[in-house]
Amino acid sequence: MGRKRQEEEQNSSEYGEPAQYDPTFNGPIHKRSCTDIICCVLFMLVIAGYMVVGILAWLYGDPRHVLYPRNSTGMFCGLGVNKDKPNVLYFDILKCATATNIMAAALQGLQCPTTQVCVKSCPSEFWMLSPSAYLPGANPADYFKQEFCVPSFQLQGTKYKAVDIINKELCPFFFTPTTSVLGRCLPSFGGNAFNPSNIPSNFSFPGTSVNQTVTAIMNATGDLANGFNAKDVGLRIFEDFAKSWQWIVAGLVIAMVVSVLFLLLLRFTAPILVWVLIVGVLVVGAFGIWYCYNEYQSLANSNLTFSNVGFTSNVKVYLQVRDTWLAFLIILCIVEAILLLALIFLRTRILIAIALIQETSKALGHMMSTLFYPVITFVLLLVCVSYWGITALYLATSGGPVYKVVALNASEGDCTTIGANETCNPEMFNSTRYPTCPSARCVFINYNTEGLFQKNLFNLQIYNVVAFLWCANFVIALGHCTLAGAFGSYYWAFSKPADIPTFPLIQSFMRALRYHVGSLAFGALILTLVQLVRIILEYLDHKFRDVQNPCTRFIMCCLKCCFWCLEKFIKFINRNAYIMIAIYGKNFCVSAKNAFSLLMRNIVRVVVLDKVTDLLLFFGKLLVVGGVGVLAFFFFSGRIEAPGTTFETAALNYYWMPIITVVFGAYLIAHGFFSVYNMGVDTLFLCFLEDLERNDGSPQKPYFMSKNLMKILNKKNKQPKTG
């Protein structure tokens, strides 16, 4: 007894003093003051600056740079003088296909190292310049197609030969069947496009056969075949969604109902599920021991050893070595023994974890509104992500295009009349102003970067990322604090449900917004800084991956691992700090310190509860997602039919798309509901630990915990003496 008392005193001195009894405390404190005001003011200033950046980006940005394709002069296809020409044609698509990421380039305008012109419609056939066009005296107008040439170049009356036209890229010398994808004429590989009967006999590059030319084109752009048909696939998928959206919604509703039922039924089934899972793990371990022993015995006559095998990539060879199964047998026996000992010595703490899980299910039954709070968090996060994406898009497209007069062939005529930095307007440009320089053209150079706003675009993009991360982390923190306040109100209600406050979730939400914006922003800022460091490390690793040696690669890997662990630790501290803020109304640092000290004084209980809860929630997610996914598979693949419906799965182009949508949606729904449950368990656990330290069960200091928890701990509330 004295030794136990000594250990408690050592724990108290190392991790702070236990919570003291407060006769006025009966739940989340209502009389509280604003916390971390400086951080609150800073957060508000950042939000105000974020709004200013968004307004400036909207004023200076032009998303048309991304939404509409551009020709070589920087003019938009489908707008202005090119209103009737919505597509852009690439003279030599092979040069585009060698880009590292053609789809990313396409979204940025796909400015390939080849001439691009706006056309009314993309070519739908094979065409190759006839060899006769290279003969002396051949008229290029008889061979090239004017509608695909540079608009400022006229084939009729030109002095250029076919070779000159090709070298100057004034007209394309070949094209293949193409499809308009996001306004870009990209090769069509689907359907009957490359049927040999559709390929003309003269379709070949100089010195190659028709088959060699077609093979070269297909090989160069083969990896992009699926991307080229993205629009067609997208339309088919959209059509499938239009036909099956009612059943997709039905599947998501089923996932929601199953998730809610599972969480509510944990109140009655948690003990059975936990022990079934624990016994299942032990049985699997025992089966592994038996199997390894049998394999070890079956190889009794084998003379094969590790020294005979050496190093090989064929893992099956090692399974023929008797010592391999002996090693497996020893490892499994050690793990099984550890699990059995842990089960024996931690059985009381496992019972406490089960009781807290049951109590959380009971709390959800009394406060059903908490289950739907993730919808609010999702909407707020969607607003943050949308604002960040739109702002980033407008910032990236800030600055108008700059056009200058240049001579495509300075040796032709006298081009000294053209100024070095003479700007022009491509829509108003008239080459007759330069009679001595027939090759004068108004060419797109770049986008304006001279203004103060444009010079700081990189800094503004960084600000956009930092503000987005801070806002997103704040929204998550607000959700944690709101739910913690609601569950704290439930636990500290002495007579449940009579003493539970009216609308506990709304009250908790208003308290968090009124008093603790600064504290929530403080915790979110710490997490944001760590996430920024991780982003920088990922960027540096990606940027210098090709020049890293093994030593720097190892250091980079260690840094990334350390900051990943740090982020997880800060999330753990923040989560528990928000619980203490919601209940006691103190600032972030004090709340984080008190929560950490309380958990460290009960570290074994923390570990057991965390693992038992994780096991149950993993099983629940597996049940919801797996069950709904299997049901969706059987329905959308036509193996089962809903009674009284006329839905035909054969009408779907890709029946797996609705299945993937239902599975992904079911996971998001289950994760949202289970995150509320997890927050409830953590909150009730901290309240339970505080309850044990504050109270002793006497009439003056009664326990607030459930009778089930008191029974497990052999505690009870003593009735006041009468008479």
Foldseek 3Di string as FASTA:
>chain_A
DVVVVVVLVVLCVVQHHFDAFDLPAQFFDPPFFFFQVVLLVVLVVLVVVLVVLLVVLVVFFDLCQQLFAAWQQRDGACDDPNVLFRAKEFLDCLQLLPDPDNVVCVRNRSPGPTGIDGANAADAAKAAFDPVQQDPPHQVVVTFDVRQFDVVDDSPPDPDGPVVCVVLRRGRRIDAGFDQDSRYTHDAPDDCRVPVVRYDQRRDDPPDGNVVRVVVVCVSNVVCNCVRCVVVVVVQLVVQCVQCVVVLVVLLVLLLVLLLVLLLCLLPCVVVVLVVVLVVVLVVLVVLLVVLVVLLVVLPVPPDDCVNVDDDPPVVVVSSHSVVSVVSNVVSVVVSVVSVVCCVVCVLLLLLLSQLSSVLSVLCVVVVVLLVCVVVLVVQLVVLVVSLVSSLSSLVRGFAWWKAKDASDCVQFHPPVGDPGHTDDQVPDDQVVCVRGNRIHTHTDGGDQPDPSSVCSVVSNVSSLLSSQLSSQLSVLLSLLLLLSQLSLQLSQQDPPVSRDDPRSVVSSVCCVPHPSSQSSVLSNVLSVLVVVLVVLVVVCVVCVVPDDPVVVVVSVVVNVVSVVVSVVSVVLSSQLSSQCSRHVHHSVVSSSVSVSLCVSVVVSVVSSVVSLVVSLVVSLCCSLVVSLVVLCCDLVVVDDDPPDDRDSVPRPDSCVSSVSSSVSSNVSSVSSSVSSVSSSSSSVSVQSSQVSHAQQEPSRRGSDDPSSCVSVVHHRDDDDDD
